[in-house]
Amino acid sequence: MESLALGDYEPVPEVKGVTDSWRRGENSLIALYRGEAVGLDAPQALEDHAYEGVRA
């Protein structure tokens, strides 16, 4: 997750949280989930999902 290049993606304010957030690109959406990893000190629980072909 830390190696994702998110410079071209803007935050989605409606789901911007302390640990979890989404970022949107031209036709894509990336969901970043850090809640369990941070709360349980379990870096193996970091998760990200990329959705392509998303239309606004």
C-alpha atoms as a PDB file:
ATOM      1  CA  MET A   1       0.000   0.000   0.000  1.00  0.00           C
ATOM      2  CA  GLU A   2       2.763   2.468   0.853  1.00  0.00           C
ATOM      3  CA  SER A   3       4.237   2.030  -2.633  1.00  0.00           C
ATOM      4  CA  LEU A   4       1.070   3.244  -4.388  1.00  0.00           C
ATOM      5  CA  ALA A   5       1.673   6.423  -6.380  1.00  0.00           C
ATOM      6  CA  LEU A   6      -1.373   8.507  -5.460  1.00  0.00           C
ATOM      7  CA  GLY A   7      -0.142  11.877  -6.704  1.00  0.00           C
ATOM      8  CA  ASP A   8      -2.634  11.913  -9.605  1.00  0.00           C
ATOM      9  CA  TYR A   9      -5.564  10.933  -7.361  1.00  0.00           C
ATOM     10  CA  GLU A  10      -7.674  13.347  -5.347  1.00  0.00           C
ATOM     11  CA  PRO A  11      -9.177  12.507  -1.939  1.00  0.00           C
ATOM     12  CA  VAL A  12     -12.883  11.701  -1.759  1.00  0.00           C
ATOM     13  CA  PRO A  13     -13.986  13.952   1.143  1.00  0.00           C
ATOM     14  CA  GLU A  14     -17.134  11.950   1.914  1.00  0.00           C
ATOM     15  CA  VAL A  15     -15.085   8.908   2.970  1.00  0.00           C
ATOM     16  CA  LYS A  16     -11.922  10.546   4.236  1.00  0.00           C
ATOM     17  CA  GLY A  17     -11.280   9.131   7.677  1.00  0.00           C
ATOM     18  CA  VAL A  18      -8.446   8.877  10.163  1.00  0.00           C
ATOM     19  CA  THR A  19      -7.519   5.369   9.046  1.00  0.00           C
ATOM     20  CA  ASP A  20      -9.572   4.628   5.930  1.00  0.00           C
ATOM     21  CA  SER A  21      -9.896   6.753   2.813  1.00  0.00           C
ATOM     22  CA  TRP A  22     -10.689   6.680  -0.865  1.00  0.00           C
ATOM     23  CA  ARG A  23      -8.905   8.459  -3.700  1.00  0.00           C
ATOM     24  CA  ARG A  24     -10.335   9.096  -7.142  1.00  0.00           C
ATOM     25  CA  GLY A  25      -8.622   9.402 -10.519  1.00  0.00           C
ATOM     26  CA  GLU A  26      -9.989  10.119 -13.982  1.00  0.00           C
ATOM     27  CA  ASN A  27     -11.718   6.727 -14.387  1.00  0.00           C
ATOM     28  CA  SER A  28     -10.681   4.916 -11.249  1.00  0.00           C
ATOM     29  CA  LEU A  29     -11.162   4.729  -7.513  1.00  0.00           C
ATOM     30  CA  ILE A  30      -8.753   3.406  -4.885  1.00  0.00           C
ATOM     31  CA  ALA A  31     -10.019   2.394  -1.452  1.00  0.00           C
ATOM     32  CA  LEU A  32      -7.392   2.341   1.316  1.00  0.00           C
ATOM     33  CA  TYR A  33      -8.217   0.466   4.502  1.00  0.00           C
ATOM     34  CA  ARG A  34      -5.859   0.877   7.468  1.00  0.00           C
ATOM     35  CA  GLY A  35      -8.264   0.573  10.425  1.00  0.00           C
ATOM     36  CA  GLU A  36      -7.434  -2.920  11.658  1.00  0.00           C
ATOM     37  CA  ALA A  37      -3.735  -2.514  10.873  1.00  0.00           C
ATOM     38  CA  VAL A  38      -3.501   0.650  12.985  1.00  0.00           C
ATOM     39  CA  GLY A  39      -5.902  -0.373  15.740  1.00  0.00           C
ATOM     40  CA  LEU A  40      -4.411  -3.818  16.260  1.00  0.00           C
ATOM     41  CA  ASP A  41      -0.798  -2.950  15.362  1.00  0.00           C
ATOM     42  CA  ALA A  42      -1.055  -5.494  12.542  1.00  0.00           C
ATOM     43  CA  PRO A  43       0.614  -4.180   9.363  1.00  0.00           C
ATOM     44  CA  GLN A  44      -0.350  -7.388   7.549  1.00  0.00           C
ATOM     45  CA  ALA A  45      -3.980  -6.185   7.726  1.00  0.00           C
ATOM     46  CA  LEU A  46      -3.381  -3.205   5.391  1.00  0.00           C
ATOM     47  CA  GLU A  47      -5.740  -3.436   2.428  1.00  0.00           C
ATOM     48  CA  ASP A  48      -6.303  -1.545  -0.787  1.00  0.00           C
ATOM     49  CA  HIS A  49      -8.757  -2.096  -3.618  1.00  0.00           C
ATOM     50  CA  ALA A  50      -8.540  -0.490  -7.053  1.00  0.00           C
ATOM     51  CA  TYR A  51     -11.608  -0.059  -9.233  1.00  0.00           C
ATOM     52  CA  GLU A  52     -11.095   0.900 -12.869  1.00  0.00           C
ATOM     53  CA  GLY A  53     -13.619   2.039 -15.445  1.00  0.00           C
ATOM     54  CA  VAL A  54     -15.513   4.120 -12.883  1.00  0.00           C
ATOM     55  CA  ARG A  55     -17.571   6.924 -14.370  1.00  0.00           C
ATOM     56  CA  ALA A  56     -18.562  10.051 -12.470  1.00  0.00           C
END
